[in-house]
């Protein structure tokens, strides 16, 4: 089943990016940290959308909106 991978780590490097790609179900990666340039290239080649430096507060605000 397609899903979005959310990471709360400092950095995503090519090795971890490849592990995510190998799952074959990830359609997007969102992280509160950064994604290395080479990892971004791997995601782009695999057709996986990505976003970096997303503040954790964005997730909390979203939860509050859904509950309200």
PDB file of N, CA and C in Angstrom:
ATOM      1  N   UNK A   1       0.837  -1.174   0.000  1.00  0.00           N
ATOM      2  CA  UNK A   1       0.000   0.000   0.000  1.00  0.00           C
ATOM      3  C   UNK A   1       0.892   1.250   0.000  1.00  0.00           C
ATOM      4  N   UNK A   2       0.670   2.182  -0.917  1.00  0.00           N
ATOM      5  CA  UNK A   2       1.480   3.404  -0.968  1.00  0.00           C
ATOM      6  C   UNK A   2       1.362   4.212   0.330  1.00  0.00           C
ATOM      7  N   UNK A   3       2.478   4.770   0.758  1.00  0.00           N
ATOM      8  CA  UNK A   3       2.443   5.590   1.975  1.00  0.00           C
ATOM      9  C   UNK A   3       3.521   6.670   1.941  1.00  0.00           C
ATOM     10  N   UNK A   4       3.380   7.598   2.882  1.00  0.00           N
ATOM     11  CA  UNK A   4       4.355   8.680   3.060  1.00  0.00           C
ATOM     12  C   UNK A   4       5.229   8.320   4.247  1.00  0.00           C
ATOM     13  N   UNK A   5       6.514   8.413   4.079  1.00  0.00           N
ATOM     14  CA  UNK A   5       7.476   8.127   5.137  1.00  0.00           C
ATOM     15  C   UNK A   5       7.813   9.447   5.827  1.00  0.00           C
ATOM     16  N   UNK A   6       7.665   9.503   7.151  1.00  0.00           N
ATOM     17  CA  UNK A   6       7.984  10.698   7.925  1.00  0.00           C
ATOM     18  C   UNK A   6       9.171  10.380   8.815  1.00  0.00           C
ATOM     19  N   UNK A   7      10.198  11.211   8.728  1.00  0.00           N
ATOM     20  CA  UNK A   7      11.422  10.998   9.499  1.00  0.00           C
ATOM     21  C   UNK A   7      11.689  12.205  10.387  1.00  0.00           C
ATOM     22  N   UNK A   8      12.089  11.943  11.621  1.00  0.00           N
ATOM     23  CA  UNK A   8      12.467  13.019  12.528  1.00  0.00           C
ATOM     24  C   UNK A   8      13.932  12.847  12.897  1.00  0.00           C
ATOM     25  N   UNK A   9      14.784  12.927  11.898  1.00  0.00           N
ATOM     26  CA  UNK A   9      16.209  12.766  12.109  1.00  0.00           C
ATOM     27  C   UNK A   9      16.940  13.968  11.547  1.00  0.00           C
ATOM     28  N   UNK A  10      18.198  14.036  11.893  1.00  0.00           N
ATOM     29  CA  UNK A  10      19.031  15.134  11.405  1.00  0.00           C
ATOM     30  C   UNK A  10      19.187  15.121   9.892  1.00  0.00           C
ATOM     31  N   UNK A  11      19.610  13.993   9.335  1.00  0.00           N
ATOM     32  CA  UNK A  11      19.915  13.935   7.906  1.00  0.00           C
ATOM     33  C   UNK A  11      19.507  12.591   7.314  1.00  0.00           C
ATOM     34  N   UNK A  12      19.138  12.615   6.052  1.00  0.00           N
ATOM     35  CA  UNK A  12      18.921  11.387   5.299  1.00  0.00           C
ATOM     36  C   UNK A  12      19.989  11.347   4.214  1.00  0.00           C
ATOM     37  N   UNK A  13      20.767  10.274   4.232  1.00  0.00           N
ATOM     38  CA  UNK A  13      21.849  10.098   3.279  1.00  0.00           C
ATOM     39  C   UNK A  13      21.474   9.010   2.269  1.00  0.00           C
ATOM     40  N   UNK A  14      22.267   8.826   1.217  1.00  0.00           N
ATOM     41  CA  UNK A  14      21.912   7.877   0.158  1.00  0.00           C
ATOM     42  C   UNK A  14      21.593   6.452   0.634  1.00  0.00           C
ATOM     43  N   UNK A  15      22.310   5.951   1.620  1.00  0.00           N
ATOM     44  CA  UNK A  15      22.051   4.592   2.095  1.00  0.00           C
ATOM     45  C   UNK A  15      20.632   4.440   2.620  1.00  0.00           C
ATOM     46  N   UNK A  16      20.207   5.375   3.442  1.00  0.00           N
ATOM     47  CA  UNK A  16      18.842   5.325   3.979  1.00  0.00           C
ATOM     48  C   UNK A  16      17.829   5.607   2.869  1.00  0.00           C
ATOM     49  N   UNK A  17      18.173   6.517   1.968  1.00  0.00           N
ATOM     50  CA  UNK A  17      17.277   6.801   0.844  1.00  0.00           C
ATOM     51  C   UNK A  17      17.037   5.532   0.027  1.00  0.00           C
ATOM     52  N   UNK A  18      18.090   4.778  -0.220  1.00  0.00           N
ATOM     53  CA  UNK A  18      17.952   3.536  -0.984  1.00  0.00           C
ATOM     54  C   UNK A  18      17.087   2.528  -0.229  1.00  0.00           C
ATOM     55  N   UNK A  19      17.244   2.462   1.092  1.00  0.00           N
ATOM     56  CA  UNK A  19      16.402   1.570   1.899  1.00  0.00           C
ATOM     57  C   UNK A  19      14.930   1.945   1.759  1.00  0.00           C
ATOM     58  N   UNK A  20      14.649   3.239   1.749  1.00  0.00           N
ATOM     59  CA  UNK A  20      13.267   3.717   1.593  1.00  0.00           C
ATOM     60  C   UNK A  20      12.752   3.361   0.202  1.00  0.00           C
ATOM     61  N   UNK A  21      13.567   3.594  -0.813  1.00  0.00           N
ATOM     62  CA  UNK A  21      13.195   3.274  -2.199  1.00  0.00           C
ATOM     63  C   UNK A  21      12.915   1.784  -2.343  1.00  0.00           C
ATOM     64  N   UNK A  22      13.739   0.965  -1.700  1.00  0.00           N
ATOM     65  CA  UNK A  22      13.607  -0.487  -1.814  1.00  0.00           C
ATOM     66  C   UNK A  22      12.297  -1.017  -1.236  1.00  0.00           C
ATOM     67  N   UNK A  23      11.641  -0.236  -0.389  1.00  0.00           N
ATOM     68  CA  UNK A  23      10.342  -0.658   0.152  1.00  0.00           C
ATOM     69  C   UNK A  23       9.290  -0.742  -0.954  1.00  0.00           C
ATOM     70  N   UNK A  24       9.482   0.045  -2.004  1.00  0.00           N
ATOM     71  CA  UNK A  24       8.613   0.075  -3.190  1.00  0.00           C
ATOM     72  C   UNK A  24       7.168   0.489  -2.895  1.00  0.00           C
ATOM     73  N   UNK A  25       6.920   1.050  -1.720  1.00  0.00           N
ATOM     74  CA  UNK A  25       5.568   1.512  -1.391  1.00  0.00           C
ATOM     75  C   UNK A  25       5.555   2.978  -0.984  1.00  0.00           C
ATOM     76  N   UNK A  26       6.737   3.589  -0.876  1.00  0.00           N
ATOM     77  CA  UNK A  26       6.827   4.979  -0.424  1.00  0.00           C
ATOM     78  C   UNK A  26       6.632   5.919  -1.607  1.00  0.00           C
ATOM     79  N   UNK A  27       5.686   6.852  -1.481  1.00  0.00           N
ATOM     80  CA  UNK A  27       5.433   7.827  -2.547  1.00  0.00           C
ATOM     81  C   UNK A  27       6.005   9.202  -2.208  1.00  0.00           C
ATOM     82  N   UNK A  28       6.310   9.436  -0.914  1.00  0.00           N
ATOM     83  CA  UNK A  28       6.869  10.717  -0.496  1.00  0.00           C
ATOM     84  C   UNK A  28       7.618  10.543   0.819  1.00  0.00           C
ATOM     85  N   UNK A  29       8.618  11.387   1.029  1.00  0.00           N
ATOM     86  CA  UNK A  29       9.386  11.411   2.261  1.00  0.00           C
ATOM     87  C   UNK A  29       9.335  12.831   2.808  1.00  0.00           C
ATOM     88  N   UNK A  30       8.987  12.938   4.076  1.00  0.00           N
ATOM     89  CA  UNK A  30       8.977  14.233   4.764  1.00  0.00           C
ATOM     90  C   UNK A  30       9.894  14.091   5.962  1.00  0.00           C
ATOM     91  N   UNK A  31      10.770  15.073   6.158  1.00  0.00           N
ATOM     92  CA  UNK A  31      11.692  15.009   7.286  1.00  0.00           C
ATOM     93  C   UNK A  31      11.812  16.359   7.976  1.00  0.00           C
ATOM     94  N   UNK A  32      12.041  16.299   9.285  1.00  0.00           N
ATOM     95  CA  UNK A  32      12.288  17.523  10.040  1.00  0.00           C
ATOM     96  C   UNK A  32      13.737  17.954   9.880  1.00  0.00           C
ATOM     97  N   UNK A  33      14.569  17.065   9.339  1.00  0.00           N
ATOM     98  CA  UNK A  33      15.975  17.366   9.101  1.00  0.00           C
ATOM     99  C   UNK A  33      16.226  17.705   7.646  1.00  0.00           C
ATOM    100  N   UNK A  34      17.394  17.301   7.174  1.00  0.00           N
ATOM    101  CA  UNK A  34      17.766  17.591   5.795  1.00  0.00           C
ATOM    102  C   UNK A  34      17.939  16.291   5.014  1.00  0.00           C
ATOM    103  N   UNK A  35      17.969  16.436   3.705  1.00  0.00           N
ATOM    104  CA  UNK A  35      18.204  15.320   2.799  1.00  0.00           C
ATOM    105  C   UNK A  35      19.435  15.684   1.978  1.00  0.00           C
ATOM    106  N   UNK A  36      20.418  14.809   1.965  1.00  0.00           N
ATOM    107  CA  UNK A  36      21.651  15.111   1.229  1.00  0.00           C
ATOM    108  C   UNK A  36      21.348  15.237  -0.269  1.00  0.00           C
ATOM    109  N   UNK A  37      22.175  15.997  -0.993  1.00  0.00           N
ATOM    110  CA  UNK A  37      21.957  16.149  -2.437  1.00  0.00           C
ATOM    111  C   UNK A  37      21.890  14.812  -3.185  1.00  0.00           C
ATOM    112  N   UNK A  38      22.742  13.865  -2.822  1.00  0.00           N
ATOM    113  CA  UNK A  38      22.717  12.568  -3.502  1.00  0.00           C
ATOM    114  C   UNK A  38      21.459  11.778  -3.165  1.00  0.00           C
ATOM    115  N   UNK A  39      20.975  11.892  -1.937  1.00  0.00           N
ATOM    116  CA  UNK A  39      19.730  11.214  -1.562  1.00  0.00           C
ATOM    117  C   UNK A  39      18.552  11.834  -2.319  1.00  0.00           C
ATOM    118  N   UNK A  40      18.574  13.151  -2.486  1.00  0.00           N
ATOM    119  CA  UNK A  40      17.519  13.822  -3.262  1.00  0.00           C
ATOM    120  C   UNK A  40      17.497  13.299  -4.695  1.00  0.00           C
ATOM    121  N   UNK A  41      18.684  13.120  -5.286  1.00  0.00           N
ATOM    122  CA  UNK A  41      18.767  12.597  -6.657  1.00  0.00           C
ATOM    123  C   UNK A  41      18.158  11.203  -6.739  1.00  0.00           C
ATOM    124  N   UNK A  42      18.459  10.367  -5.731  1.00  0.00           N
ATOM    125  CA  UNK A  42      17.894   9.013  -5.715  1.00  0.00           C
ATOM    126  C   UNK A  42      16.368   9.061  -5.626  1.00  0.00           C
ATOM    127  N   UNK A  43      15.846   9.913  -4.738  1.00  0.00           N
ATOM    128  CA  UNK A  43      14.388  10.042  -4.618  1.00  0.00           C
ATOM    129  C   UNK A  43      13.788  10.537  -5.932  1.00  0.00           C
ATOM    130  N   UNK A  44      14.426  11.526  -6.540  1.00  0.00           N
ATOM    131  CA  UNK A  44      13.925  12.063  -7.816  1.00  0.00           C
ATOM    132  C   UNK A  44      13.904  10.976  -8.894  1.00  0.00           C
ATOM    133  N   UNK A  45      14.966  10.198  -8.986  1.00  0.00           N
ATOM    134  CA  UNK A  45      15.036   9.131  -9.981  1.00  0.00           C
ATOM    135  C   UNK A  45      13.981   8.055  -9.732  1.00  0.00           C
ATOM    136  N   UNK A  46      13.632   7.842  -8.460  1.00  0.00           N
ATOM    137  CA  UNK A  46      12.644   6.821  -8.107  1.00  0.00           C
ATOM    138  C   UNK A  46      11.214   7.361  -8.164  1.00  0.00           C
ATOM    139  N   UNK A  47      11.074   8.667  -8.455  1.00  0.00           N
ATOM    140  CA  UNK A  47       9.740   9.262  -8.516  1.00  0.00           C
ATOM    141  C   UNK A  47       9.111   9.471  -7.144  1.00  0.00           C
ATOM    142  N   UNK A  48       9.953   9.625  -6.124  1.00  0.00           N
ATOM    143  CA  UNK A  48       9.465   9.840  -4.758  1.00  0.00           C
ATOM    144  C   UNK A  48       9.588  11.327  -4.427  1.00  0.00           C
ATOM    145  N   UNK A  49       8.467  11.933  -4.066  1.00  0.00           N
ATOM    146  CA  UNK A  49       8.470  13.342  -3.663  1.00  0.00           C
ATOM    147  C   UNK A  49       9.156  13.462  -2.305  1.00  0.00           C
ATOM    148  N   UNK A  50       9.733  14.623  -2.025  1.00  0.00           N
ATOM    149  CA  UNK A  50      10.398  14.808  -0.747  1.00  0.00           C
ATOM    150  C   UNK A  50      10.264  16.249  -0.273  1.00  0.00           C
ATOM    151  N   UNK A  51      10.304  16.416   1.045  1.00  0.00           N
ATOM    152  CA  UNK A  51      10.319  17.733   1.672  1.00  0.00           C
ATOM    153  C   UNK A  51      11.225  17.642   2.890  1.00  0.00           C
ATOM    154  N   UNK A  52      12.045  18.660   3.081  1.00  0.00           N
ATOM    155  CA  UNK A  52      12.973  18.665   4.212  1.00  0.00           C
ATOM    156  C   UNK A  52      12.771  19.914   5.059  1.00  0.00           C
ATOM    157  N   UNK A  53      13.348  19.896   6.245  1.00  0.00           N
ATOM    158  CA  UNK A  53      13.277  21.013   7.185  1.00  0.00           C
ATOM    159  C   UNK A  53      11.839  21.397   7.534  1.00  0.00           C
ATOM    160  N   UNK A  54      10.956  20.419   7.621  1.00  0.00           N
ATOM    161  CA  UNK A  54       9.563  20.675   7.993  1.00  0.00           C
ATOM    162  C   UNK A  54       9.506  20.707   9.522  1.00  0.00           C
ATOM    163  N   UNK A  55       9.085  21.821  10.108  1.00  0.00           N
ATOM    164  CA  UNK A  55       9.049  21.909  11.578  1.00  0.00           C
ATOM    165  C   UNK A  55       8.061  20.909  12.181  1.00  0.00           C
ATOM    166  N   UNK A  56       8.442  20.323  13.316  1.00  0.00           N
ATOM    167  CA  UNK A  56       7.557  19.375  13.986  1.00  0.00           C
ATOM    168  C   UNK A  56       6.218  20.016  14.315  1.00  0.00           C
ATOM    169  N   UNK A  57       6.208  21.311  14.522  1.00  0.00           N
ATOM    170  CA  UNK A  57       4.949  21.997  14.854  1.00  0.00           C
ATOM    171  C   UNK A  57       3.925  21.864  13.726  1.00  0.00           C
ATOM    172  N   UNK A  58       4.382  21.694  12.503  1.00  0.00           N
ATOM    173  CA  UNK A  58       3.461  21.508  11.381  1.00  0.00           C
ATOM    174  C   UNK A  58       2.641  20.233  11.548  1.00  0.00           C
ATOM    175  N   UNK A  59       3.237  19.213  12.116  1.00  0.00           N
ATOM    176  CA  UNK A  59       2.523  17.968  12.339  1.00  0.00           C
ATOM    177  C   UNK A  59       1.540  18.126  13.492  1.00  0.00           C
ATOM    178  N   UNK A  60       1.950  18.802  14.518  1.00  0.00           N
ATOM    179  CA  UNK A  60       1.090  19.012  15.680  1.00  0.00           C
ATOM    180  C   UNK A  60      -0.119  19.867  15.307  1.00  0.00           C
ATOM    181  N   UNK A  61       0.099  20.924  14.544  1.00  0.00           N
ATOM    182  CA  UNK A  61      -1.008  21.787  14.139  1.00  0.00           C
ATOM    183  C   UNK A  61      -1.999  21.007  13.281  1.00  0.00           C
ATOM    184  N   UNK A  62      -1.494  20.148  12.420  1.00  0.00           N
ATOM    185  CA  UNK A  62      -2.347  19.348  11.564  1.00  0.00           C
ATOM    186  C   UNK A  62      -3.222  18.420  12.399  1.00  0.00           C
ATOM    187  N   UNK A  63      -2.637  17.820  13.436  1.00  0.00           N
ATOM    188  CA  UNK A  63      -3.402  16.939  14.305  1.00  0.00           C
ATOM    189  C   UNK A  63      -4.504  17.705  15.004  1.00  0.00           C
ATOM    190  N   UNK A  64      -4.211  18.917  15.470  1.00  0.00           N
ATOM    191  CA  UNK A  64      -5.208  19.706  16.163  1.00  0.00           C
ATOM    192  C   UNK A  64      -6.357  20.068  15.241  1.00  0.00           C
ATOM    193  N   UNK A  65      -6.054  20.392  13.983  1.00  0.00           N
ATOM    194  CA  UNK A  65      -7.088  20.732  13.020  1.00  0.00           C
ATOM    195  C   UNK A  65      -7.988  19.543  12.722  1.00  0.00           C
ATOM    196  N   UNK A  66      -7.388  18.350  12.641  1.00  0.00           N
ATOM    197  CA  UNK A  66      -8.167  17.158  12.359  1.00  0.00           C
ATOM    198  C   UNK A  66      -9.096  16.806  13.511  1.00  0.00           C
ATOM    199  N   UNK A  67      -8.645  17.034  14.748  1.00  0.00           N
ATOM    200  CA  UNK A  67      -9.454  16.704  15.909  1.00  0.00           C
ATOM    201  C   UNK A  67     -10.594  17.696  16.077  1.00  0.00           C
ATOM    202  N   UNK A  68     -10.363  18.950  15.695  1.00  0.00           N
ATOM    203  CA  UNK A  68     -11.338  20.023  15.907  1.00  0.00           C
ATOM    204  C   UNK A  68     -12.381  19.997  14.899  1.00  0.00           C
TER     205      UNK A  68
END
